[in-house]
Structure formats: C-alpha cells, structure tokens
PDB file of N, CA and C in Angstrom:
ATOM      1  N   VAL A   1      92.560  66.926 100.796  1.00  0.00           N
ATOM      2  CA  VAL A   1      93.170  68.156 100.319  1.00  0.00           C
ATOM      3  C   VAL A   1      92.099  69.248 100.339  1.00  0.00           C
ATOM      4  N   THR A   2      92.417  70.365 100.965  1.00  0.00           N
ATOM      5  CA  THR A   2      91.468  71.467 101.004  1.00  0.00           C
ATOM      6  C   THR A   2      91.750  72.448  99.858  1.00  0.00           C
ATOM      7  N   THR A   3      90.721  73.124  99.444  1.00  0.00           N
ATOM      8  CA  THR A   3      90.841  74.136  98.397  1.00  0.00           C
ATOM      9  C   THR A   3      91.314  75.432  99.041  1.00  0.00           C
ATOM     10  N   PRO A   4      92.453  75.977  98.589  1.00  0.00           N
ATOM     11  CA  PRO A   4      92.896  77.264  99.137  1.00  0.00           C
ATOM     12  C   PRO A   4      91.870  78.350  98.841  1.00  0.00           C
ATOM     13  N   ARG A   5      91.660  79.216  99.790  1.00  0.00           N
ATOM     14  CA  ARG A   5      90.701  80.309  99.625  1.00  0.00           C
ATOM     15  C   ARG A   5      91.437  81.639  99.777  1.00  0.00           C
ATOM     16  N   ILE A   6      91.306  82.478  98.761  1.00  0.00           N
ATOM     17  CA  ILE A   6      91.998  83.760  98.705  1.00  0.00           C
ATOM     18  C   ILE A   6      90.964  84.876  98.653  1.00  0.00           C
ATOM     19  N   ALA A   7      91.139  85.873  99.518  1.00  0.00           N
ATOM     20  CA  ALA A   7      90.274  87.052  99.497  1.00  0.00           C
ATOM     21  C   ALA A   7      91.078  88.226  98.968  1.00  0.00           C
ATOM     22  N   VAL A   8      90.490  88.935  98.023  1.00  0.00           N
ATOM     23  CA  VAL A   8      91.074  90.182  97.521  1.00  0.00           C
ATOM     24  C   VAL A   8      90.169  91.308  97.976  1.00  0.00           C
ATOM     25  N   LEU A   9      90.666  92.133  98.863  1.00  0.00           N
ATOM     26  CA  LEU A   9      89.884  93.243  99.397  1.00  0.00           C
ATOM     27  C   LEU A   9      90.148  94.460  98.527  1.00  0.00           C
ATOM     28  N   GLY A  10      89.110  94.938  97.868  1.00  0.00           N
ATOM     29  CA  GLY A  10      89.247  96.008  96.898  1.00  0.00           C
ATOM     30  C   GLY A  10      89.308  95.411  95.513  1.00  0.00           C
ATOM     31  N   GLY A  11      88.193  94.906  95.055  1.00  0.00           N
ATOM     32  CA  GLY A  11      88.174  94.176  93.796  1.00  0.00           C
ATOM     33  C   GLY A  11      88.374  95.025  92.565  1.00  0.00           C
ATOM     34  N   GLY A  12      87.951  96.299  92.615  1.00  0.00           N
ATOM     35  CA  GLY A  12      88.077  97.168  91.457  1.00  0.00           C
ATOM     36  C   GLY A  12      87.495  96.511  90.206  1.00  0.00           C
ATOM     37  N   ALA A  13      88.184  96.662  89.092  1.00  0.00           N
ATOM     38  CA  ALA A  13      87.723  96.093  87.818  1.00  0.00           C
ATOM     39  C   ALA A  13      87.878  94.586  87.785  1.00  0.00           C
ATOM     40  N   GLY A  14      88.610  94.029  88.744  1.00  0.00           N
ATOM     41  CA  GLY A  14      88.750  92.568  88.844  1.00  0.00           C
ATOM     42  C   GLY A  14      90.007  92.015  88.206  1.00  0.00           C
ATOM     43  N   VAL A  15      90.952  92.854  87.855  1.00  0.00           N
ATOM     44  CA  VAL A  15      92.171  92.381  87.194  1.00  0.00           C
ATOM     45  C   VAL A  15      92.964  91.439  88.092  1.00  0.00           C
ATOM     46  N   LEU A  16      93.260  91.848  89.311  1.00  0.00           N
ATOM     47  CA  LEU A  16      94.033  90.977  90.215  1.00  0.00           C
ATOM     48  C   LEU A  16      93.251  89.718  90.558  1.00  0.00           C
ATOM     49  N   PRO A  17      91.989  89.799  90.966  1.00  0.00           N
ATOM     50  CA  PRO A  17      91.254  88.565  91.255  1.00  0.00           C
ATOM     51  C   PRO A  17      91.137  87.632  90.052  1.00  0.00           C
ATOM     52  N   ALA A  18      90.957  88.197  88.852  1.00  0.00           N
ATOM     53  CA  ALA A  18      90.867  87.370  87.651  1.00  0.00           C
ATOM     54  C   ALA A  18      92.198  86.689  87.375  1.00  0.00           C
ATOM     55  N   PHE A  19      93.308  87.409  87.555  1.00  0.00           N
ATOM     56  CA  PHE A  19      94.626  86.805  87.367  1.00  0.00           C
ATOM     57  C   PHE A  19      94.792  85.622  88.323  1.00  0.00           C
ATOM     58  N   LEU A  20      94.454  85.819  89.580  1.00  0.00           N
ATOM     59  CA  LEU A  20      94.594  84.753  90.573  1.00  0.00           C
ATOM     60  C   LEU A  20      93.711  83.548  90.199  1.00  0.00           C
ATOM     61  N   HIS A  21      92.515  83.822  89.731  1.00  0.00           N
ATOM     62  CA  HIS A  21      91.598  82.756  89.308  1.00  0.00           C
ATOM     63  C   HIS A  21      92.220  81.910  88.208  1.00  0.00           C
ATOM     64  N   HIS A  22      92.866  82.558  87.251  1.00  0.00           N
ATOM     65  CA  HIS A  22      93.469  81.835  86.134  1.00  0.00           C
ATOM     66  C   HIS A  22      94.805  81.193  86.514  1.00  0.00           C
ATOM     67  N   ALA A  23      95.590  81.870  87.345  1.00  0.00           N
ATOM     68  CA  ALA A  23      96.919  81.370  87.698  1.00  0.00           C
ATOM     69  C   ALA A  23      96.878  80.251  88.731  1.00  0.00           C
ATOM     70  N   LEU A  24      95.840  80.227  89.543  1.00  0.00           N
ATOM     71  CA  LEU A  24      95.711  79.251  90.627  1.00  0.00           C
ATOM     72  C   LEU A  24      94.416  78.466  90.457  1.00  0.00           C
ATOM     73  N   PRO A  25      94.390  77.510  89.537  1.00  0.00           N
ATOM     74  CA  PRO A  25      93.134  76.831  89.219  1.00  0.00           C
ATOM     75  C   PRO A  25      92.549  75.984  90.347  1.00  0.00           C
ATOM     76  N   ALA A  26      93.306  75.738  91.396  1.00  0.00           N
ATOM     77  CA  ALA A  26      92.765  74.968  92.522  1.00  0.00           C
ATOM     78  C   ALA A  26      92.197  75.879  93.605  1.00  0.00           C
ATOM     79  N   ALA A  27      92.370  77.184  93.462  1.00  0.00           N
ATOM     80  CA  ALA A  27      91.968  78.108  94.522  1.00  0.00           C
ATOM     81  C   ALA A  27      90.547  78.638  94.311  1.00  0.00           C
ATOM     82  N   ARG A  28      89.954  78.992  95.427  1.00  0.00           N
ATOM     83  CA  ARG A  28      88.655  79.688  95.451  1.00  0.00           C
ATOM     84  C   ARG A  28      88.963  81.150  95.726  1.00  0.00           C
ATOM     85  N   ILE A  29      88.418  82.060  94.902  1.00  0.00           N
ATOM     86  CA  ILE A  29      88.714  83.493  95.002  1.00  0.00           C
ATOM     87  C   ILE A  29      87.460  84.242  95.436  1.00  0.00           C
ATOM     88  N   ASP A  30      87.599  85.054  96.476  1.00  0.00           N
ATOM     89  CA  ASP A  30      86.541  85.981  96.898  1.00  0.00           C
ATOM     90  C   ASP A  30      87.078  87.383  96.702  1.00  0.00           C
ATOM     91  N   SER A  31      86.399  88.163  95.878  1.00  0.00           N
ATOM     92  CA  SER A  31      86.768  89.553  95.641  1.00  0.00           C
ATOM     93  C   SER A  31      85.728  90.425  96.325  1.00  0.00           C
ATOM     94  N   VAL A  32      86.172  91.414  97.084  1.00  0.00           N
ATOM     95  CA  VAL A  32      85.262  92.254  97.866  1.00  0.00           C
ATOM     96  C   VAL A  32      85.428  93.698  97.428  1.00  0.00           C
ATOM     97  N   GLU A  33      84.364  94.287  96.927  1.00  0.00           N
ATOM     98  CA  GLU A  33      84.370  95.659  96.418  1.00  0.00           C
ATOM     99  C   GLU A  33      83.189  96.417  97.023  1.00  0.00           C
ATOM    100  N   LEU A  34      83.447  97.612  97.526  1.00  0.00           N
ATOM    101  CA  LEU A  34      82.434  98.413  98.185  1.00  0.00           C
ATOM    102  C   LEU A  34      81.423  99.020  97.205  1.00  0.00           C
ATOM    103  N   CYS A  35      81.912  99.546  96.101  1.00  0.00           N
ATOM    104  CA  CYS A  35      81.076 100.358  95.222  1.00  0.00           C
ATOM    105  C   CYS A  35      80.232  99.480  94.275  1.00  0.00           C
ATOM    106  N   PRO A  36      78.908  99.595  94.362  1.00  0.00           N
ATOM    107  CA  PRO A  36      78.047  98.791  93.475  1.00  0.00           C
ATOM    108  C   PRO A  36      78.261  99.104  91.993  1.00  0.00           C
ATOM    109  N   ASP A  37      78.594 100.353  91.657  1.00  0.00           N
ATOM    110  CA  ASP A  37      78.833 100.697  90.264  1.00  0.00           C
ATOM    111  C   ASP A  37      80.095 100.021  89.732  1.00  0.00           C
ATOM    112  N   VAL A  38      81.123  99.912  90.580  1.00  0.00           N
ATOM    113  CA  VAL A  38      82.348  99.231  90.182  1.00  0.00           C
ATOM    114  C   VAL A  38      82.079  97.734  90.012  1.00  0.00           C
ATOM    115  N   CYS A  39      81.284  97.163  90.886  1.00  0.00           N
ATOM    116  CA  CYS A  39      80.914  95.738  90.749  1.00  0.00           C
ATOM    117  C   CYS A  39      80.173  95.510  89.443  1.00  0.00           C
ATOM    118  N   ALA A  40      79.209  96.375  89.131  1.00  0.00           N
ATOM    119  CA  ALA A  40      78.439  96.231  87.906  1.00  0.00           C
ATOM    120  C   ALA A  40      79.351  96.365  86.672  1.00  0.00           C
ATOM    121  N   ALA A  41      80.251  97.330  86.700  1.00  0.00           N
ATOM    122  CA  ALA A  41      81.152  97.518  85.560  1.00  0.00           C
ATOM    123  C   ALA A  41      82.097  96.331  85.410  1.00  0.00           C
ATOM    124  N   SER A  42      82.597  95.784  86.506  1.00  0.00           N
ATOM    125  CA  SER A  42      83.526  94.652  86.393  1.00  0.00           C
ATOM    126  C   SER A  42      82.816  93.424  85.825  1.00  0.00           C
ATOM    127  N   ARG A  43      81.544  93.291  86.138  1.00  0.00           N
ATOM    128  CA  ARG A  43      80.774  92.173  85.578  1.00  0.00           C
ATOM    129  C   ARG A  43      80.459  92.409  84.098  1.00  0.00           C
ATOM    130  N   ALA A  44      80.011  93.613  83.778  1.00  0.00           N
ATOM    131  CA  ALA A  44      79.557  93.908  82.415  1.00  0.00           C
ATOM    132  C   ALA A  44      80.697  94.109  81.422  1.00  0.00           C
ATOM    133  N   LEU A  45      81.793  94.691  81.885  1.00  0.00           N
ATOM    134  CA  LEU A  45      82.850  95.101  80.956  1.00  0.00           C
ATOM    135  C   LEU A  45      84.139  94.299  81.045  1.00  0.00           C
ATOM    136  N   PHE A  46      84.378  93.626  82.174  1.00  0.00           N
ATOM    137  CA  PHE A  46      85.661  92.969  82.380  1.00  0.00           C
ATOM    138  C   PHE A  46      85.544  91.459  82.574  1.00  0.00           C
ATOM    139  N   GLY A  47      84.384  90.880  82.307  1.00  0.00           N
ATOM    140  CA  GLY A  47      84.233  89.434  82.301  1.00  0.00           C
ATOM    141  C   GLY A  47      84.142  88.759  83.659  1.00  0.00           C
ATOM    142  N   ILE A  48      83.917  89.512  84.708  1.00  0.00           N
ATOM    143  CA  ILE A  48      83.816  88.903  86.029  1.00  0.00           C
ATOM    144  C   ILE A  48      82.588  88.014  86.137  1.00  0.00           C
ATOM    145  N   ASP A  49      81.521  88.353  85.427  1.00  0.00           N
ATOM    146  CA  ASP A  49      80.317  87.506  85.455  1.00  0.00           C
ATOM    147  C   ASP A  49      80.619  86.092  84.982  1.00  0.00           C
ATOM    148  N   ALA A  50      81.476  85.955  83.993  1.00  0.00           N
ATOM    149  CA  ALA A  50      81.851  84.621  83.506  1.00  0.00           C
ATOM    150  C   ALA A  50      82.636  83.849  84.547  1.00  0.00           C
ATOM    151  N   LEU A  51      83.501  84.527  85.283  1.00  0.00           N
ATOM    152  CA  LEU A  51      84.266  83.861  86.342  1.00  0.00           C
ATOM    153  C   LEU A  51      83.321  83.381  87.436  1.00  0.00           C
ATOM    154  N   GLU A  52      82.328  84.193  87.785  1.00  0.00           N
ATOM    155  CA  GLU A  52      81.376  83.800  88.818  1.00  0.00           C
ATOM    156  C   GLU A  52      80.580  82.569  88.406  1.00  0.00           C
ATOM    157  N   ASP A  53      80.331  82.411  87.141  1.00  0.00           N
ATOM    158  CA  ASP A  53      79.587  81.255  86.649  1.00  0.00           C
ATOM    159  C   ASP A  53      80.359  79.957  86.842  1.00  0.00           C
ATOM    160  N   GLY A  54      81.663  80.041  87.003  1.00  0.00           N
ATOM    161  CA  GLY A  54      82.490  78.845  87.132  1.00  0.00           C
ATOM    162  C   GLY A  54      82.502  78.209  88.508  1.00  0.00           C
ATOM    163  N   GLY A  55      81.978  78.881  89.527  1.00  0.00           N
ATOM    164  CA  GLY A  55      81.877  78.290  90.847  1.00  0.00           C
ATOM    165  C   GLY A  55      83.080  78.467  91.771  1.00  0.00           C
ATOM    166  N   ARG A  56      84.198  79.007  91.272  1.00  0.00           N
ATOM    167  CA  ARG A  56      85.376  79.211  92.143  1.00  0.00           C
ATOM    168  C   ARG A  56      85.626  80.679  92.429  1.00  0.00           C
ATOM    169  N   PHE A  57      84.734  81.540  91.973  1.00  0.00           N
ATOM    170  CA  PHE A  57      84.958  82.972  92.073  1.00  0.00           C
ATOM    171  C   PHE A  57      83.663  83.641  92.511  1.00  0.00           C
ATOM    172  N   THR A  58      83.779  84.522  93.511  1.00  0.00           N
ATOM    173  CA  THR A  58      82.614  85.292  93.945  1.00  0.00           C
ATOM    174  C   THR A  58      83.027  86.757  94.118  1.00  0.00           C
ATOM    175  N   LEU A  59      82.259  87.638  93.536  1.00  0.00           N
ATOM    176  CA  LEU A  59      82.427  89.065  93.749  1.00  0.00           C
ATOM    177  C   LEU A  59      81.380  89.498  94.763  1.00  0.00           C
ATOM    178  N   HIS A  60      81.841  89.987  95.891  1.00  0.00           N
ATOM    179  CA  HIS A  60      80.949  90.440  96.973  1.00  0.00           C
ATOM    180  C   HIS A  60      80.887  91.962  96.926  1.00  0.00           C
ATOM    181  N   GLN A  61      79.710  92.522  96.862  1.00  0.00           N
ATOM    182  CA  GLN A  61      79.555  93.965  96.994  1.00  0.00           C
ATOM    183  C   GLN A  61      79.353  94.221  98.483  1.00  0.00           C
ATOM    184  N   ALA A  62      80.448  94.640  99.140  1.00  0.00           N
ATOM    185  CA  ALA A  62      80.405  94.796 100.605  1.00  0.00           C
ATOM    186  C   ALA A  62      81.574  95.638 101.062  1.00  0.00           C
ATOM    187  N   ASP A  63      81.476  96.141 102.273  1.00  0.00           N
ATOM    188  CA  ASP A  63      82.597  96.796 102.929  1.00  0.00           C
ATOM    189  C   ASP A  63      83.621  95.719 103.278  1.00  0.00           C
ATOM    190  N   ALA A  64      84.837  95.840 102.774  1.00  0.00           N
ATOM    191  CA  ALA A  64      85.835  94.805 102.938  1.00  0.00           C
ATOM    192  C   ALA A  64      86.155  94.517 104.401  1.00  0.00           C
ATOM    193  N   LEU A  65      86.227  95.564 105.198  1.00  0.00           N
ATOM    194  CA  LEU A  65      86.581  95.365 106.609  1.00  0.00           C
ATOM    195  C   LEU A  65      85.473  94.646 107.344  1.00  0.00           C
ATOM    196  N   ALA A  66      84.226  94.990 107.060  1.00  0.00           N
ATOM    197  CA  ALA A  66      83.106  94.285 107.680  1.00  0.00           C
ATOM    198  C   ALA A  66      83.043  92.850 107.164  1.00  0.00           C
ATOM    199  N   TRP A  67      83.362  92.639 105.883  1.00  0.00           N
ATOM    200  CA  TRP A  67      83.335  91.287 105.294  1.00  0.00           C
ATOM    201  C   TRP A  67      84.361  90.395 105.991  1.00  0.00           C
ATOM    202  N   ILE A  68      85.559  90.925 106.203  1.00  0.00           N
ATOM    203  CA  ILE A  68      86.609  90.145 106.886  1.00  0.00           C
ATOM    204  C   ILE A  68      86.171  89.832 108.305  1.00  0.00           C
ATOM    205  N   ASP A  69      85.604  90.829 108.967  1.00  0.00           N
ATOM    206  CA  ASP A  69      85.171  90.624 110.354  1.00  0.00           C
ATOM    207  C   ASP A  69      84.095  89.543 110.440  1.00  0.00           C
ATOM    208  N   ALA A  70      83.242  89.436 109.426  1.00  0.00           N
ATOM    209  CA  ALA A  70      82.149  88.457 109.427  1.00  0.00           C
ATOM    210  C   ALA A  70      82.568  87.092 108.872  1.00  0.00           C
ATOM    211  N   ALA A  71      83.761  87.007 108.302  1.00  0.00           N
ATOM    212  CA  ALA A  71      84.189  85.724 107.707  1.00  0.00           C
ATOM    213  C   ALA A  71      84.320  84.655 108.778  1.00  0.00           C
ATOM    214  N   GLU A  72      84.025  83.450 108.378  1.00  0.00           N
ATOM    215  CA  GLU A  72      84.171  82.305 109.279  1.00  0.00           C
ATOM    216  C   GLU A  72      85.646  82.202 109.725  1.00  0.00           C
ATOM    217  N   PRO A  73      85.895  82.017 111.008  1.00  0.00           N
ATOM    218  CA  PRO A  73      87.284  81.904 111.472  1.00  0.00           C
ATOM    219  C   PRO A  73      88.039  80.801 110.709  1.00  0.00           C
ATOM    220  N   ALA A  74      89.273  81.089 110.383  1.00  0.00           N
ATOM    221  CA  ALA A  74      90.180  80.165 109.695  1.00  0.00           C
ATOM    222  C   ALA A  74      89.679  79.732 108.315  1.00  0.00           C
ATOM    223  N   SER A  75      88.812  80.553 107.690  1.00  0.00           N
ATOM    224  CA  SER A  75      88.265  80.172 106.391  1.00  0.00           C
ATOM    225  C   SER A  75      89.076  80.720 105.209  1.00  0.00           C
ATOM    226  N   LEU A  76      89.995  81.622 105.482  1.00  0.00           N
ATOM    227  CA  LEU A  76      90.785  82.223 104.420  1.00  0.00           C
ATOM    228  C   LEU A  76      92.251  81.851 104.570  1.00  0.00           C
ATOM    229  N   ASP A  77      92.873  81.499 103.467  1.00  0.00           N
ATOM    230  CA  ASP A  77      94.288  81.156 103.486  1.00  0.00           C
ATOM    231  C   ASP A  77      95.170  82.370 103.184  1.00  0.00           C
ATOM    232  N   VAL A  78      94.687  83.252 102.338  1.00  0.00           N
ATOM    233  CA  VAL A  78      95.437  84.443 101.950  1.00  0.00           C
ATOM    234  C   VAL A  78      94.470  85.620 101.866  1.00  0.00           C
ATOM    235  N   ILE A  79      94.905  86.769 102.389  1.00  0.00           N
ATOM    236  CA  ILE A  79      94.136  88.010 102.289  1.00  0.00           C
ATOM    237  C   ILE A  79      95.030  89.030 101.624  1.00  0.00           C
ATOM    238  N   LEU A  80      94.603  89.515 100.446  1.00  0.00           N
ATOM    239  CA  LEU A  80      95.330  90.555  99.725  1.00  0.00           C
ATOM    240  C   LEU A  80      94.567  91.864  99.882  1.00  0.00           C
ATOM    241  N   VAL A  81      95.233  92.884 100.367  1.00  0.00           N
ATOM    242  CA  VAL A  81      94.611  94.173 100.591  1.00  0.00           C
ATOM    243  C   VAL A  81      94.993  95.120  99.465  1.00  0.00           C
ATOM    244  N   ASP A  82      93.992  95.463  98.650  1.00  0.00           N
ATOM    245  CA  ASP A  82      94.178  96.378  97.522  1.00  0.00           C
ATOM    246  C   ASP A  82      93.151  97.484  97.628  1.00  0.00           C
ATOM    247  N   LEU A  83      93.049  98.049  98.814  1.00  0.00           N
ATOM    248  CA  LEU A  83      92.055  99.076  99.103  1.00  0.00           C
ATOM    249  C   LEU A  83      92.657 100.465  98.966  1.00  0.00           C
ATOM    250  N   GLU A  84      91.816 101.423  98.624  1.00  0.00           N
ATOM    251  CA  GLU A  84      92.249 102.809  98.638  1.00  0.00           C
ATOM    252  C   GLU A  84      91.312 103.580  99.548  1.00  0.00           C
ATOM    253  N   SER A  85      91.862 104.585 100.171  1.00  0.00           N
ATOM    254  CA  SER A  85      91.110 105.285 101.230  1.00  0.00           C
ATOM    255  C   SER A  85      90.058 106.224 100.687  1.00  0.00           C
ATOM    256  N   GLY A  86      90.195 106.689  99.464  1.00  0.00           N
ATOM    257  CA  GLY A  86      89.284 107.704  98.984  1.00  0.00           C
ATOM    258  C   GLY A  86      89.593 109.068  99.550  1.00  0.00           C
ATOM    259  N   ASP A  87      90.746 109.208 100.165  1.00  0.00           N
ATOM    260  CA  ASP A  87      91.164 110.488 100.741  1.00  0.00           C
ATOM    261  C   ASP A  87      91.653 111.399  99.617  1.00  0.00           C
ATOM    262  N   VAL A  88      90.829 112.368  99.263  1.00  0.00           N
ATOM    263  CA  VAL A  88      91.126 113.241  98.133  1.00  0.00           C
ATOM    264  C   VAL A  88      92.437 113.992  98.355  1.00  0.00           C
ATOM    265  N   GLY A  89      92.720 114.396  99.590  1.00  0.00           N
ATOM    266  CA  GLY A  89      93.963 115.105  99.872  1.00  0.00           C
ATOM    267  C   GLY A  89      95.191 114.258  99.566  1.00  0.00           C
ATOM    268  N   VAL A  90      95.144 113.002  99.936  1.00  0.00           N
ATOM    269  CA  VAL A  90      96.264 112.093  99.667  1.00  0.00           C
ATOM    270  C   VAL A  90      96.347 111.807  98.177  1.00  0.00           C
ATOM    271  N   GLU A  91      95.201 111.545  97.553  1.00  0.00           N
ATOM    272  CA  GLU A  91      95.195 111.217  96.127  1.00  0.00           C
ATOM    273  C   GLU A  91      95.636 112.400  95.277  1.00  0.00           C
ATOM    274  N   ALA A  92      95.352 113.635  95.724  1.00  0.00           N
ATOM    275  CA  ALA A  92      95.766 114.800  94.972  1.00  0.00           C
ATOM    276  C   ALA A  92      97.293 114.900  94.887  1.00  0.00           C
ATOM    277  N   ARG A  93      97.976 114.303  95.826  1.00  0.00           N
ATOM    278  CA  ARG A  93      99.446 114.289  95.799  1.00  0.00           C
ATOM    279  C   ARG A  93      99.983 113.093  95.016  1.00  0.00           C
ATOM    280  N   GLY A  94      99.092 112.385  94.341  1.00  0.00           N
ATOM    281  CA  GLY A  94      99.533 111.274  93.514  1.00  0.00           C
ATOM    282  C   GLY A  94      99.746 109.981  94.261  1.00  0.00           C
ATOM    283  N   LEU A  95      99.206 109.872  95.457  1.00  0.00           N
ATOM    284  CA  LEU A  95      99.370 108.668  96.274  1.00  0.00           C
ATOM    285  C   LEU A  95      98.030 107.944  96.401  1.00  0.00           C
ATOM    286  N   ILE A  96      98.075 106.663  96.419  1.00  0.00           N
ATOM    287  CA  ILE A  96      96.897 105.859  96.724  1.00  0.00           C
ATOM    288  C   ILE A  96      97.268 105.086  97.982  1.00  0.00           C
ATOM    289  N   ALA A  97      96.490 105.279  99.012  1.00  0.00           N
ATOM    290  CA  ALA A  97      96.820 104.654 100.304  1.00  0.00           C
ATOM    291  C   ALA A  97      95.593 103.891 100.811  1.00  0.00           C
ATOM    292  N   PRO A  98      95.856 102.804 101.547  1.00  0.00           N
ATOM    293  CA  PRO A  98      94.711 102.096 102.134  1.00  0.00           C
ATOM    294  C   PRO A  98      94.083 102.933 103.242  1.00  0.00           C
ATOM    295  N   PRO A  99      92.859 102.623 103.598  1.00  0.00           N
ATOM    296  CA  PRO A  99      92.260 103.329 104.736  1.00  0.00           C
ATOM    297  C   PRO A  99      93.070 103.048 106.001  1.00  0.00           C
ATOM    298  N   ALA A 100      93.111 104.019 106.877  1.00  0.00           N
ATOM    299  CA  ALA A 100      93.873 103.881 108.115  1.00  0.00           C
ATOM    300  C   ALA A 100      93.416 102.673 108.928  1.00  0.00           C
ATOM    301  N   SER A 101      92.156 102.331 108.843  1.00  0.00           N
ATOM    302  CA  SER A 101      91.624 101.232 109.649  1.00  0.00           C
ATOM    303  C   SER A 101      92.298  99.893 109.307  1.00  0.00           C
ATOM    304  N   VAL A 102      92.835  99.766 108.091  1.00  0.00           N
ATOM    305  CA  VAL A 102      93.531  98.542 107.703  1.00  0.00           C
ATOM    306  C   VAL A 102      94.844  98.397 108.485  1.00  0.00           C
ATOM    307  N   LEU A 103      95.361  99.503 108.947  1.00  0.00           N
ATOM    308  CA  LEU A 103      96.629  99.492 109.680  1.00  0.00           C
ATOM    309  C   LEU A 103      96.440  99.395 111.187  1.00  0.00           C
ATOM    310  N   GLU A 104      95.210  99.286 111.615  1.00  0.00           N
ATOM    311  CA  GLU A 104      94.917  99.263 113.044  1.00  0.00           C
ATOM    312  C   GLU A 104      94.677  97.823 113.544  1.00  0.00           C
ATOM    313  N   ARG A 105      94.806  97.686 114.839  1.00  0.00           N
ATOM    314  CA  ARG A 105      94.717  96.374 115.483  1.00  0.00           C
ATOM    315  C   ARG A 105      93.425  95.596 115.222  1.00  0.00           C
ATOM    316  N   PRO A 106      92.240  96.216 115.245  1.00  0.00           N
ATOM    317  CA  PRO A 106      91.015  95.429 115.015  1.00  0.00           C
ATOM    318  C   PRO A 106      91.029  94.698 113.663  1.00  0.00           C
ATOM    319  N   PHE A 107      91.540  95.342 112.611  1.00  0.00           N
ATOM    320  CA  PHE A 107      91.606  94.674 111.325  1.00  0.00           C
ATOM    321  C   PHE A 107      92.581  93.501 111.397  1.00  0.00           C
ATOM    322  N   ALA A 108      93.733  93.722 111.995  1.00  0.00           N
ATOM    323  CA  ALA A 108      94.743  92.664 112.107  1.00  0.00           C
ATOM    324  C   ALA A 108      94.163  91.470 112.876  1.00  0.00           C
ATOM    325  N   LEU A 109      93.427  91.728 113.940  1.00  0.00           N
ATOM    326  CA  LEU A 109      92.839  90.646 114.725  1.00  0.00           C
ATOM    327  C   LEU A 109      91.781  89.896 113.917  1.00  0.00           C
ATOM    328  N   ALA A 110      90.961  90.639 113.159  1.00  0.00           N
ATOM    329  CA  ALA A 110      89.936  89.968 112.346  1.00  0.00           C
ATOM    330  C   ALA A 110      90.583  89.130 111.257  1.00  0.00           C
ATOM    331  N   ALA A 111      91.619  89.651 110.634  1.00  0.00           N
ATOM    332  CA  ALA A 111      92.327  88.925 109.579  1.00  0.00           C
ATOM    333  C   ALA A 111      93.054  87.707 110.120  1.00  0.00           C
ATOM    334  N   GLU A 112      93.528  87.795 111.324  1.00  0.00           N
ATOM    335  CA  GLU A 112      94.284  86.691 111.938  1.00  0.00           C
ATOM    336  C   GLU A 112      93.400  85.475 112.221  1.00  0.00           C
ATOM    337  N   ARG A 113      92.131  85.725 112.494  1.00  0.00           N
ATOM    338  CA  ARG A 113      91.229  84.610 112.792  1.00  0.00           C
ATOM    339  C   ARG A 113      91.185  83.667 111.635  1.00  0.00           C
TER     340      ARG A 113
END
C-alpha cells in the first residue's frame, strides 16, 4: 500500500493543508508557498511547525509552478491549486484569480507527469 501524496499549491496560512493533514491521516501533504513571510507566519502563528514535526507534512517555500515542474514524475496523487495571481487590478474588483500560467499547457503537462 502506498501513501497518498497531496500537494497544495499556495499554502497561505496553512488552513487547507492542515485540514487535509488531519482529515487524511494516511496521506503525505506538501504545501508550497512562495512568500517567505507567509511561511514564517504559518509556522509561528498557525501551528504548521508542529505538523512538520510529525513527518507527514512539509511546507516548501518555493514557486509552486517551478516546484511542480521539478517534482518526481508520478510522485503526486492529488494537486490542489489555491494560488492567487497578485494582480492588483483583478483583486481591486473583489476577485482572486490564479496566475494565468496555471491555465496554460506547460503547467498542465507538468502536473500530468
């Protein structure tokens, strides 16, 4: 029996990855967050450091798209995309949208591997 591996792209404060960690005790969770300040806050304020100590959870401070591209082929069972583009024009209208690159073929091909 293999351990399911789930990647959450856009870790933020860690709420979704922490929920998955608790709800799926047999799964290995990789959370990928670009901003080092967000990673530090999620560890210091939201208990992510304790999850990392358990061995089934890793918070990666990295560009999510580059992380997926570098992942070992067929190493992920589920990829959840919770990224926001940082596009101030879009966010000013009250929308949070993923970066356009997530909707393009290179990302789909990297995720498919």
